[in-house]
Amino acid sequence: MYRRIVGLPAVDDKLVARYFHGVNRQLIERQLAQAERHIAEGERHIAQQRELVDRLERAGHDLTTAVELLNMLEQAQFMYIAGRDRCLKDLGR
């Protein structure tokens, strides 16, 4: 329930709820679009890093740092996918 502020007209609670529902839905849709972009970029970065790890391995170089970065990219990708899935759930898709 919204409190009435002295000097302001009464507010229709249902109208306010519909407004915020629409605003919230727009925010979630923007977050979904951003998550989709991050997922696409993440796929490219992971593929590039895997190629680099393969090249370094074939050349006999130390893989420690390259593999650590690959693991971080994969963890970030997992988080982006989880965020996208939350947005889809919130939107009822």
Protein backbone atom coordinates (compact mmCIF):
# COMPACT_ATOMS: atom_id res chain seq x y z
CA MET A 1 0.00 0.00 0.00
CA TYR A 2 1.36 3.40 -0.93
CA ARG A 3 1.14 6.12 1.69
CA ARG A 4 -0.62 9.30 0.86
CA ILE A 5 1.70 12.31 1.02
CA VAL A 6 0.05 15.44 2.35
CA GLY A 7 -0.75 17.83 -0.46
CA LEU A 8 -0.65 15.22 -3.25
CA PRO A 9 -3.68 13.60 -4.85
CA ALA A 10 -4.59 10.00 -3.99
CA VAL A 11 -2.85 7.32 -6.06
CA ASP A 12 -4.55 4.30 -7.60
CA ASP A 13 -2.55 1.34 -6.22
CA LYS A 14 -3.46 -0.89 -9.17
CA LEU A 15 -2.28 1.73 -11.65
CA VAL A 16 1.02 2.10 -9.78
CA ALA A 17 1.48 -1.69 -9.65
CA ARG A 18 0.87 -1.98 -13.42
CA TYR A 19 3.36 0.82 -14.08
CA PHE A 20 6.09 -0.78 -11.99
CA HIS A 21 5.36 -4.19 -13.48
CA GLY A 22 5.92 -2.71 -16.95
CA VAL A 23 9.08 -0.92 -15.87
CA ASN A 24 10.38 -4.08 -14.21
CA ARG A 25 9.62 -6.14 -17.32
CA GLN A 26 11.52 -3.64 -19.50
CA LEU A 27 14.48 -3.81 -17.13
CA ILE A 28 14.49 -7.61 -17.22
CA GLU A 29 14.27 -7.59 -21.03
CA ARG A 30 17.30 -5.25 -21.18
CA GLN A 31 19.16 -7.54 -18.77
CA LEU A 32 18.24 -10.52 -20.95
CA ALA A 33 19.59 -8.81 -24.07
CA GLN A 34 22.81 -7.96 -22.24
CA ALA A 35 23.18 -11.54 -20.99
CA GLU A 36 22.69 -12.85 -24.54
CA ARG A 37 25.44 -10.50 -25.77
CA HIS A 38 27.76 -11.61 -22.99
CA ILE A 39 27.09 -15.26 -23.78
CA ALA A 40 27.88 -14.75 -27.47
CA GLU A 41 31.08 -12.86 -26.65
CA GLY A 42 32.00 -15.47 -24.05
CA GLU A 43 31.66 -18.26 -26.60
CA ARG A 44 34.09 -16.44 -28.89
CA HIS A 45 36.56 -15.75 -26.10
CA ILE A 46 36.45 -19.35 -24.87
CA ALA A 47 37.02 -20.69 -28.39
CA GLN A 48 39.97 -18.32 -28.88
CA GLN A 49 41.48 -19.27 -25.54
CA ARG A 50 41.11 -22.99 -26.28
CA GLU A 51 42.92 -22.47 -29.58
CA LEU A 52 45.69 -20.62 -27.74
CA VAL A 53 46.03 -23.42 -25.18
CA ASP A 54 46.29 -25.95 -28.01
CA ARG A 55 48.99 -23.90 -29.80
CA LEU A 56 50.97 -23.43 -26.59
CA GLU A 57 50.73 -27.13 -25.81
CA ARG A 58 51.93 -28.11 -29.30
CA ALA A 59 54.85 -25.71 -28.92
CA GLY A 60 55.74 -27.19 -25.53
CA HIS A 61 55.08 -24.03 -23.50
CA ASP A 62 53.83 -23.78 -19.93
CA LEU A 63 50.01 -23.83 -19.95
CA THR A 64 49.37 -22.70 -16.38
CA THR A 65 48.31 -19.11 -17.03
CA ALA A 66 46.46 -19.91 -20.26
CA VAL A 67 44.46 -22.69 -18.60
CA GLU A 68 43.68 -20.49 -15.58
CA LEU A 69 42.31 -17.82 -17.90
CA LEU A 70 40.28 -20.43 -19.78
CA ASN A 71 38.81 -21.61 -16.47
CA MET A 72 37.89 -18.04 -15.52
CA LEU A 73 36.23 -17.48 -18.90
CA GLU A 74 34.24 -20.69 -18.50
CA GLN A 75 33.14 -19.68 -14.98
CA ALA A 76 32.03 -16.28 -16.25
CA GLN A 77 30.13 -17.99 -19.06
CA PHE A 78 28.34 -20.17 -16.51
CA MET A 79 27.30 -17.02 -14.63
CA TYR A 80 26.08 -15.31 -17.82
CA ILE A 81 23.99 -18.37 -18.71
CA ALA A 82 22.54 -18.50 -15.18
CA GLY A 83 21.66 -14.79 -15.44
CA ARG A 84 19.99 -15.32 -18.79
CA ASP A 85 18.02 -18.26 -17.42
CA ARG A 86 16.84 -16.14 -14.44
CA CYS A 87 15.66 -13.43 -16.82
CA LEU A 88 13.80 -15.96 -18.95
CA LYS A 89 12.16 -17.41 -15.84
CA ASP A 90 11.17 -13.94 -14.61
CA LEU A 91 9.65 -13.18 -18.00
CA GLY A 92 7.76 -16.50 -18.03
CA ARG A 93 9.56 -17.86 -21.07
